[in-house]
Amino acid sequence: MFEFETVTWLGLIAAFCTTISLLPQAIKVITQKQTRDISLTMYIIFTSGVLLWLIYGILTKDMPVMLANAITFVLSFTILLLKIKYK
């Protein structure tokens, strides 16, 4: 059986990988100011889901979930706002 610390590290590494995956898209949108190929519906649903995961993490005091979803929310919300701005 895993120790709590090992499981927490596993969660943090997984959270890092999934969170950092949004960084290239955010950088591209910010630098190119072009969002034509990004689905508005997808980013609305995705950002809403991330916000709900963040709230869940806060309520359950789950550090990997809180940390990953706080950062992911900032990135996805930024992309969403720029998608609306640059249509």
PDB file of N, CA and C in Angstrom:
ATOM      1  N   MET A   1       0.850  -1.190   0.000  1.00  0.00           N
ATOM      2  CA  MET A   1       0.000   0.000   0.000  1.00  0.00           C
ATOM      3  C   MET A   1       0.890   1.245   0.000  1.00  0.00           C
ATOM      4  N   PHE A   2       0.481   2.259  -0.718  1.00  0.00           N
ATOM      5  CA  PHE A   2       1.237   3.508  -0.758  1.00  0.00           C
ATOM      6  C   PHE A   2       1.099   4.273   0.541  1.00  0.00           C
ATOM      7  N   GLU A   3       2.155   4.954   0.895  1.00  0.00           N
ATOM      8  CA  GLU A   3       2.070   5.863   2.023  1.00  0.00           C
ATOM      9  C   GLU A   3       1.406   7.139   1.549  1.00  0.00           C
ATOM     10  N   PHE A   4       0.817   7.886   2.446  1.00  0.00           N
ATOM     11  CA  PHE A   4       0.142   9.139   2.090  1.00  0.00           C
ATOM     12  C   PHE A   4       1.081  10.057   1.334  1.00  0.00           C
ATOM     13  N   GLU A   5       2.323  10.158   1.776  1.00  0.00           N
ATOM     14  CA  GLU A   5       3.280  11.060   1.144  1.00  0.00           C
ATOM     15  C   GLU A   5       3.540  10.655  -0.309  1.00  0.00           C
ATOM     16  N   THR A   6       3.676   9.378  -0.578  1.00  0.00           N
ATOM     17  CA  THR A   6       3.905   8.886  -1.939  1.00  0.00           C
ATOM     18  C   THR A   6       2.697   9.186  -2.817  1.00  0.00           C
ATOM     19  N   VAL A   7       1.515   8.963  -2.313  1.00  0.00           N
ATOM     20  CA  VAL A   7       0.289   9.235  -3.062  1.00  0.00           C
ATOM     21  C   VAL A   7       0.160  10.733  -3.332  1.00  0.00           C
ATOM     22  N   THR A   8       0.496  11.538  -2.370  1.00  0.00           N
ATOM     23  CA  THR A   8       0.442  12.983  -2.559  1.00  0.00           C
ATOM     24  C   THR A   8       1.409  13.415  -3.648  1.00  0.00           C
ATOM     25  N   TRP A   9       2.625  12.868  -3.631  1.00  0.00           N
ATOM     26  CA  TRP A   9       3.596  13.197  -4.674  1.00  0.00           C
ATOM     27  C   TRP A   9       3.107  12.754  -6.043  1.00  0.00           C
ATOM     28  N   LEU A  10       2.519  11.576  -6.110  1.00  0.00           N
ATOM     29  CA  LEU A  10       1.958  11.084  -7.360  1.00  0.00           C
ATOM     30  C   LEU A  10       0.898  12.056  -7.882  1.00  0.00           C
ATOM     31  N   GLY A  11       0.026  12.507  -7.006  1.00  0.00           N
ATOM     32  CA  GLY A  11      -1.004  13.477  -7.379  1.00  0.00           C
ATOM     33  C   GLY A  11      -0.412  14.797  -7.841  1.00  0.00           C
ATOM     34  N   LEU A  12       0.629  15.254  -7.168  1.00  0.00           N
ATOM     35  CA  LEU A  12       1.263  16.516  -7.547  1.00  0.00           C
ATOM     36  C   LEU A  12       1.951  16.416  -8.912  1.00  0.00           C
ATOM     37  N   ILE A  13       2.587  15.289  -9.186  1.00  0.00           N
ATOM     38  CA  ILE A  13       3.241  15.103 -10.486  1.00  0.00           C
ATOM     39  C   ILE A  13       2.194  15.021 -11.600  1.00  0.00           C
ATOM     40  N   ALA A  14       1.129  14.271 -11.366  1.00  0.00           N
ATOM     41  CA  ALA A  14       0.044  14.179 -12.350  1.00  0.00           C
ATOM     42  C   ALA A  14      -0.581  15.550 -12.578  1.00  0.00           C
ATOM     43  N   ALA A  15      -0.792  16.282 -11.514  1.00  0.00           N
ATOM     44  CA  ALA A  15      -1.366  17.622 -11.617  1.00  0.00           C
ATOM     45  C   ALA A  15      -0.453  18.551 -12.400  1.00  0.00           C
ATOM     46  N   PHE A  16       0.838  18.448 -12.169  1.00  0.00           N
ATOM     47  CA  PHE A  16       1.802  19.262 -12.903  1.00  0.00           C
ATOM     48  C   PHE A  16       1.720  18.984 -14.405  1.00  0.00           C
ATOM     49  N   CYS A  17       1.695  17.717 -14.752  1.00  0.00           N
ATOM     50  CA  CYS A  17       1.661  17.338 -16.177  1.00  0.00           C
ATOM     51  C   CYS A  17       0.400  17.856 -16.864  1.00  0.00           C
ATOM     52  N   THR A  18      -0.746  17.652 -16.257  1.00  0.00           N
ATOM     53  CA  THR A  18      -1.986  18.090 -16.898  1.00  0.00           C
ATOM     54  C   THR A  18      -2.129  19.605 -16.890  1.00  0.00           C
ATOM     55  N   THR A  19      -1.632  20.253 -15.872  1.00  0.00           N
ATOM     56  CA  THR A  19      -1.727  21.711 -15.791  1.00  0.00           C
ATOM     57  C   THR A  19      -0.793  22.379 -16.783  1.00  0.00           C
ATOM     58  N   ILE A  20       0.432  21.913 -16.848  1.00  0.00           N
ATOM     59  CA  ILE A  20       1.433  22.537 -17.720  1.00  0.00           C
ATOM     60  C   ILE A  20       1.063  22.360 -19.195  1.00  0.00           C
ATOM     61  N   SER A  21       0.219  21.386 -19.497  1.00  0.00           N
ATOM     62  CA  SER A  21      -0.176  21.156 -20.891  1.00  0.00           C
ATOM     63  C   SER A  21      -0.910  22.349 -21.493  1.00  0.00           C
ATOM     64  N   LEU A  22      -1.514  23.181 -20.665  1.00  0.00           N
ATOM     65  CA  LEU A  22      -2.219  24.374 -21.160  1.00  0.00           C
ATOM     66  C   LEU A  22      -1.285  25.539 -21.447  1.00  0.00           C
ATOM     67  N   LEU A  23      -0.101  25.500 -20.911  1.00  0.00           N
ATOM     68  CA  LEU A  23       0.824  26.627 -21.051  1.00  0.00           C
ATOM     69  C   LEU A  23       1.157  26.961 -22.507  1.00  0.00           C
ATOM     70  N   PRO A  24       1.484  25.990 -23.370  1.00  0.00           N
ATOM     71  CA  PRO A  24       1.774  26.346 -24.763  1.00  0.00           C
ATOM     72  C   PRO A  24       0.596  27.042 -25.464  1.00  0.00           C
ATOM     73  N   GLN A  25      -0.624  26.576 -25.184  1.00  0.00           N
ATOM     74  CA  GLN A  25      -1.796  27.214 -25.797  1.00  0.00           C
ATOM     75  C   GLN A  25      -1.965  28.638 -25.290  1.00  0.00           C
ATOM     76  N   ALA A  26      -1.801  28.831 -23.987  1.00  0.00           N
ATOM     77  CA  ALA A  26      -1.935  30.175 -23.415  1.00  0.00           C
ATOM     78  C   ALA A  26      -0.884  31.114 -23.997  1.00  0.00           C
ATOM     79  N   ILE A  27       0.342  30.657 -24.094  1.00  0.00           N
ATOM     80  CA  ILE A  27       1.416  31.491 -24.659  1.00  0.00           C
ATOM     81  C   ILE A  27       1.111  31.841 -26.113  1.00  0.00           C
ATOM     82  N   LYS A  28       0.661  30.865 -26.879  1.00  0.00           N
ATOM     83  CA  LYS A  28       0.350  31.098 -28.291  1.00  0.00           C
ATOM     84  C   LYS A  28      -0.779  32.121 -28.450  1.00  0.00           C
ATOM     85  N   VAL A  29      -1.818  31.983 -27.655  1.00  0.00           N
ATOM     86  CA  VAL A  29      -2.955  32.918 -27.738  1.00  0.00           C
ATOM     87  C   VAL A  29      -2.518  34.320 -27.321  1.00  0.00           C
ATOM     88  N   ILE A  30      -1.746  34.418 -26.273  1.00  0.00           N
ATOM     89  CA  ILE A  30      -1.304  35.735 -25.783  1.00  0.00           C
ATOM     90  C   ILE A  30      -0.386  36.404 -26.792  1.00  0.00           C
ATOM     91  N   THR A  31       0.531  35.653 -27.376  1.00  0.00           N
ATOM     92  CA  THR A  31       1.500  36.263 -28.295  1.00  0.00           C
ATOM     93  C   THR A  31       0.933  36.503 -29.689  1.00  0.00           C
ATOM     94  N   GLN A  32       0.091  35.607 -30.188  1.00  0.00           N
ATOM     95  CA  GLN A  32      -0.424  35.745 -31.544  1.00  0.00           C
ATOM     96  C   GLN A  32      -1.759  36.478 -31.629  1.00  0.00           C
ATOM     97  N   LYS A  33      -2.432  36.612 -30.488  1.00  0.00           N
ATOM     98  CA  LYS A  33      -3.729  37.305 -30.442  1.00  0.00           C
ATOM     99  C   LYS A  33      -4.704  36.741 -31.487  1.00  0.00           C
ATOM    100  N   GLN A  34      -4.710  35.414 -31.599  1.00  0.00           N
ATOM    101  CA  GLN A  34      -5.566  34.742 -32.560  1.00  0.00           C
ATOM    102  C   GLN A  34      -6.159  33.506 -31.903  1.00  0.00           C
ATOM    103  N   THR A  35      -7.484  33.398 -31.926  1.00  0.00           N
ATOM    104  CA  THR A  35      -8.151  32.273 -31.277  1.00  0.00           C
ATOM    105  C   THR A  35      -9.186  31.623 -32.197  1.00  0.00           C
ATOM    106  N   ARG A  36      -9.093  31.865 -33.454  1.00  0.00           N
ATOM    107  CA  ARG A  36     -10.084  31.375 -34.424  1.00  0.00           C
ATOM    108  C   ARG A  36     -10.276  29.859 -34.333  1.00  0.00           C
ATOM    109  N   ASP A  37      -9.213  29.123 -34.148  1.00  0.00           N
ATOM    110  CA  ASP A  37      -9.280  27.662 -34.166  1.00  0.00           C
ATOM    111  C   ASP A  37      -9.609  27.037 -32.807  1.00  0.00           C
ATOM    112  N   ILE A  38      -9.895  27.855 -31.819  1.00  0.00           N
ATOM    113  CA  ILE A  38     -10.217  27.349 -30.485  1.00  0.00           C
ATOM    114  C   ILE A  38     -11.733  27.352 -30.309  1.00  0.00           C
ATOM    115  N   SER A  39     -12.269  26.260 -29.780  1.00  0.00           N
ATOM    116  CA  SER A  39     -13.708  26.140 -29.555  1.00  0.00           C
ATOM    117  C   SER A  39     -14.124  26.901 -28.298  1.00  0.00           C
ATOM    118  N   LEU A  40     -14.999  27.880 -28.474  1.00  0.00           N
ATOM    119  CA  LEU A  40     -15.515  28.652 -27.334  1.00  0.00           C
ATOM    120  C   LEU A  40     -16.303  27.741 -26.391  1.00  0.00           C
ATOM    121  N   THR A  41     -17.157  26.890 -26.959  1.00  0.00           N
ATOM    122  CA  THR A  41     -17.966  25.987 -26.133  1.00  0.00           C
ATOM    123  C   THR A  41     -17.074  25.074 -25.297  1.00  0.00           C
ATOM    124  N   MET A  42     -16.026  24.543 -25.905  1.00  0.00           N
ATOM    125  CA  MET A  42     -15.124  23.653 -25.181  1.00  0.00           C
ATOM    126  C   MET A  42     -14.468  24.379 -24.013  1.00  0.00           C
ATOM    127  N   TYR A  43     -14.009  25.606 -24.247  1.00  0.00           N
ATOM    128  CA  TYR A  43     -13.324  26.319 -23.161  1.00  0.00           C
ATOM    129  C   TYR A  43     -14.290  26.778 -22.067  1.00  0.00           C
ATOM    130  N   ILE A  44     -15.537  27.056 -22.405  1.00  0.00           N
ATOM    131  CA  ILE A  44     -16.538  27.383 -21.374  1.00  0.00           C
ATOM    132  C   ILE A  44     -16.779  26.163 -20.492  1.00  0.00           C
ATOM    133  N   ILE A  45     -16.985  25.015 -21.121  1.00  0.00           N
ATOM    134  CA  ILE A  45     -17.232  23.785 -20.358  1.00  0.00           C
ATOM    135  C   ILE A  45     -15.995  23.387 -19.558  1.00  0.00           C
ATOM    136  N   PHE A  46     -14.825  23.423 -20.186  1.00  0.00           N
ATOM    137  CA  PHE A  46     -13.583  23.038 -19.521  1.00  0.00           C
ATOM    138  C   PHE A  46     -13.291  23.941 -18.319  1.00  0.00           C
ATOM    139  N   THR A  47     -13.395  25.257 -18.520  1.00  0.00           N
ATOM    140  CA  THR A  47     -13.107  26.203 -17.436  1.00  0.00           C
ATOM    141  C   THR A  47     -14.102  26.043 -16.293  1.00  0.00           C
ATOM    142  N   SER A  48     -15.363  25.791 -16.619  1.00  0.00           N
ATOM    143  CA  SER A  48     -16.370  25.548 -15.574  1.00  0.00           C
ATOM    144  C   SER A  48     -16.032  24.291 -14.782  1.00  0.00           C
ATOM    145  N   GLY A  49     -15.631  23.235 -15.478  1.00  0.00           N
ATOM    146  CA  GLY A  49     -15.248  21.994 -14.804  1.00  0.00           C
ATOM    147  C   GLY A  49     -14.038  22.174 -13.909  1.00  0.00           C
ATOM    148  N   VAL A  50     -13.061  22.928 -14.395  1.00  0.00           N
ATOM    149  CA  VAL A  50     -11.859  23.195 -13.585  1.00  0.00           C
ATOM    150  C   VAL A  50     -12.225  23.983 -12.329  1.00  0.00           C
ATOM    151  N   LEU A  51     -13.115  24.968 -12.477  1.00  0.00           N
ATOM    152  CA  LEU A  51     -13.553  25.740 -11.310  1.00  0.00           C
ATOM    153  C   LEU A  51     -14.241  24.822 -10.296  1.00  0.00           C
ATOM    154  N   LEU A  52     -15.068  23.918 -10.778  1.00  0.00           N
ATOM    155  CA  LEU A  52     -15.736  22.981  -9.862  1.00  0.00           C
ATOM    156  C   LEU A  52     -14.724  22.048  -9.181  1.00  0.00           C
ATOM    157  N   TRP A  53     -13.708  21.592  -9.921  1.00  0.00           N
ATOM    158  CA  TRP A  53     -12.651  20.776  -9.307  1.00  0.00           C
ATOM    159  C   TRP A  53     -11.886  21.576  -8.252  1.00  0.00           C
ATOM    160  N   LEU A  54     -11.653  22.851  -8.530  1.00  0.00           N
ATOM    161  CA  LEU A  54     -10.972  23.706  -7.552  1.00  0.00           C
ATOM    162  C   LEU A  54     -11.809  23.816  -6.280  1.00  0.00           C
ATOM    163  N   ILE A  55     -13.086  24.057  -6.424  1.00  0.00           N
ATOM    164  CA  ILE A  55     -13.971  24.142  -5.253  1.00  0.00           C
ATOM    165  C   ILE A  55     -13.977  22.814  -4.498  1.00  0.00           C
ATOM    166  N   TYR A  56     -14.039  21.723  -5.237  1.00  0.00           N
ATOM    167  CA  TYR A  56     -13.986  20.394  -4.625  1.00  0.00           C
ATOM    168  C   TYR A  56     -12.692  20.220  -3.829  1.00  0.00           C
ATOM    169  N   GLY A  57     -11.581  20.588  -4.431  1.00  0.00           N
ATOM    170  CA  GLY A  57     -10.292  20.478  -3.753  1.00  0.00           C
ATOM    171  C   GLY A  57     -10.230  21.297  -2.479  1.00  0.00           C
ATOM    172  N   ILE A  58     -10.799  22.485  -2.533  1.00  0.00           N
ATOM    173  CA  ILE A  58     -10.832  23.347  -1.340  1.00  0.00           C
ATOM    174  C   ILE A  58     -11.686  22.714  -0.252  1.00  0.00           C
ATOM    175  N   LEU A  59     -12.859  22.225  -0.642  1.00  0.00           N
ATOM    176  CA  LEU A  59     -13.776  21.633   0.346  1.00  0.00           C
ATOM    177  C   LEU A  59     -13.221  20.352   0.965  1.00  0.00           C
ATOM    178  N   THR A  60     -12.466  19.584   0.186  1.00  0.00           N
ATOM    179  CA  THR A  60     -11.903  18.332   0.706  1.00  0.00           C
ATOM    180  C   THR A  60     -10.480  18.505   1.240  1.00  0.00           C
ATOM    181  N   LYS A  61      -9.948  19.725   1.107  1.00  0.00           N
ATOM    182  CA  LYS A  61      -8.586  20.040   1.559  1.00  0.00           C
ATOM    183  C   LYS A  61      -7.559  19.117   0.892  1.00  0.00           C
ATOM    184  N   ASP A  62      -7.763  18.877  -0.402  1.00  0.00           N
ATOM    185  CA  ASP A  62      -6.882  18.013  -1.182  1.00  0.00           C
ATOM    186  C   ASP A  62      -5.876  18.893  -1.921  1.00  0.00           C
ATOM    187  N   MET A  63      -4.649  18.949  -1.413  1.00  0.00           N
ATOM    188  CA  MET A  63      -3.631  19.859  -1.923  1.00  0.00           C
ATOM    189  C   MET A  63      -3.341  19.681  -3.419  1.00  0.00           C
ATOM    190  N   PRO A  64      -3.106  18.458  -3.913  1.00  0.00           N
ATOM    191  CA  PRO A  64      -2.844  18.329  -5.351  1.00  0.00           C
ATOM    192  C   PRO A  64      -4.006  18.831  -6.209  1.00  0.00           C
ATOM    193  N   VAL A  65      -5.221  18.550  -5.800  1.00  0.00           N
ATOM    194  CA  VAL A  65      -6.396  18.992  -6.561  1.00  0.00           C
ATOM    195  C   VAL A  65      -6.517  20.513  -6.499  1.00  0.00           C
ATOM    196  N   MET A  66      -6.313  21.087  -5.327  1.00  0.00           N
ATOM    197  CA  MET A  66      -6.392  22.551  -5.186  1.00  0.00           C
ATOM    198  C   MET A  66      -5.328  23.240  -6.025  1.00  0.00           C
ATOM    199  N   LEU A  67      -4.107  22.813  -5.879  1.00  0.00           N
ATOM    200  CA  LEU A  67      -2.985  23.462  -6.554  1.00  0.00           C
ATOM    201  C   LEU A  67      -3.115  23.360  -8.076  1.00  0.00           C
ATOM    202  N   ALA A  68      -3.352  22.163  -8.556  1.00  0.00           N
ATOM    203  CA  ALA A  68      -3.458  21.954 -10.007  1.00  0.00           C
ATOM    204  C   ALA A  68      -4.610  22.748 -10.601  1.00  0.00           C
ATOM    205  N   ASN A  69      -5.735  22.714  -9.955  1.00  0.00           N
ATOM    206  CA  ASN A  69      -6.897  23.373 -10.528  1.00  0.00           C
ATOM    207  C   ASN A  69      -6.878  24.883 -10.353  1.00  0.00           C
ATOM    208  N   ALA A  70      -6.185  25.383  -9.365  1.00  0.00           N
ATOM    209  CA  ALA A  70      -6.023  26.841  -9.253  1.00  0.00           C
ATOM    210  C   ALA A  70      -5.200  27.355 -10.431  1.00  0.00           C
ATOM    211  N   ILE A  71      -4.107  26.681 -10.719  1.00  0.00           N
ATOM    212  CA  ILE A  71      -3.249  27.102 -11.833  1.00  0.00           C
ATOM    213  C   ILE A  71      -3.954  26.863 -13.171  1.00  0.00           C
ATOM    214  N   THR A  72      -4.575  25.699 -13.312  1.00  0.00           N
ATOM    215  CA  THR A  72      -5.287  25.386 -14.551  1.00  0.00           C
ATOM    216  C   THR A  72      -6.415  26.373 -14.790  1.00  0.00           C
ATOM    217  N   PHE A  73      -7.110  26.764 -13.728  1.00  0.00           N
ATOM    218  CA  PHE A  73      -8.194  27.736 -13.880  1.00  0.00           C
ATOM    219  C   PHE A  73      -7.663  29.067 -14.404  1.00  0.00           C
ATOM    220  N   VAL A  74      -6.563  29.533 -13.857  1.00  0.00           N
ATOM    221  CA  VAL A  74      -5.981  30.798 -14.324  1.00  0.00           C
ATOM    222  C   VAL A  74      -5.641  30.709 -15.807  1.00  0.00           C
ATOM    223  N   LEU A  75      -5.002  29.623 -16.212  1.00  0.00           N
ATOM    224  CA  LEU A  75      -4.620  29.463 -17.618  1.00  0.00           C
ATOM    225  C   LEU A  75      -5.842  29.337 -18.524  1.00  0.00           C
ATOM    226  N   SER A  76      -6.782  28.483 -18.158  1.00  0.00           N
ATOM    227  CA  SER A  76      -7.945  28.267 -19.025  1.00  0.00           C
ATOM    228  C   SER A  76      -8.860  29.489 -19.052  1.00  0.00           C
ATOM    229  N   PHE A  77      -8.992  30.182 -17.931  1.00  0.00           N
ATOM    230  CA  PHE A  77      -9.819  31.392 -17.897  1.00  0.00           C
ATOM    231  C   PHE A  77      -9.178  32.491 -18.746  1.00  0.00           C
ATOM    232  N   THR A  78      -7.858  32.573 -18.722  1.00  0.00           N
ATOM    233  CA  THR A  78      -7.153  33.540 -19.574  1.00  0.00           C
ATOM    234  C   THR A  78      -7.418  33.242 -21.041  1.00  0.00           C
ATOM    235  N   ILE A  79      -7.286  31.985 -21.431  1.00  0.00           N
ATOM    236  CA  ILE A  79      -7.546  31.596 -22.816  1.00  0.00           C
ATOM    237  C   ILE A  79      -9.002  31.880 -23.175  1.00  0.00           C
ATOM    238  N   LEU A  80      -9.922  31.569 -22.279  1.00  0.00           N
ATOM    239  CA  LEU A  80     -11.340  31.824 -22.522  1.00  0.00           C
ATOM    240  C   LEU A  80     -11.613  33.310 -22.728  1.00  0.00           C
ATOM    241  N   LEU A  81     -11.076  34.144 -21.857  1.00  0.00           N
ATOM    242  CA  LEU A  81     -11.278  35.589 -22.008  1.00  0.00           C
ATOM    243  C   LEU A  81     -10.698  36.109 -23.323  1.00  0.00           C
ATOM    244  N   LEU A  82      -9.525  35.617 -23.697  1.00  0.00           N
ATOM    245  CA  LEU A  82      -8.919  36.042 -24.949  1.00  0.00           C
ATOM    246  C   LEU A  82      -9.684  35.497 -26.148  1.00  0.00           C
ATOM    247  N   LYS A  83     -10.267  34.320 -26.020  1.00  0.00           N
ATOM    248  CA  LYS A  83     -11.111  33.772 -27.085  1.00  0.00           C
ATOM    249  C   LYS A  83     -12.303  34.690 -27.310  1.00  0.00           C
ATOM    250  N   ILE A  84     -12.913  35.161 -26.250  1.00  0.00           N
ATOM    251  CA  ILE A  84     -14.060  36.070 -26.352  1.00  0.00           C
ATOM    252  C   ILE A  84     -13.605  37.414 -26.925  1.00  0.00           C
ATOM    253  N   LYS A  85     -12.443  37.890 -26.500  1.00  0.00           N
ATOM    254  CA  LYS A  85     -11.942  39.173 -26.958  1.00  0.00           C
ATOM    255  C   LYS A  85     -11.548  39.149 -28.438  1.00  0.00           C
ATOM    256  N   TYR A  86     -10.859  38.121 -28.874  1.00  0.00           N
ATOM    257  CA  TYR A  86     -10.316  38.082 -30.231  1.00  0.00           C
ATOM    258  C   TYR A  86     -11.199  37.387 -31.255  1.00  0.00           C
ATOM    259  N   LYS A  87     -12.277  36.787 -30.809  1.00  0.00           N
ATOM    260  CA  LYS A  87     -13.182  36.042 -31.697  1.00  0.00           C
ATOM    261  C   LYS A  87     -12.580  35.916 -33.041  1.00  0.00           C
TER     262      LYS A  87
END
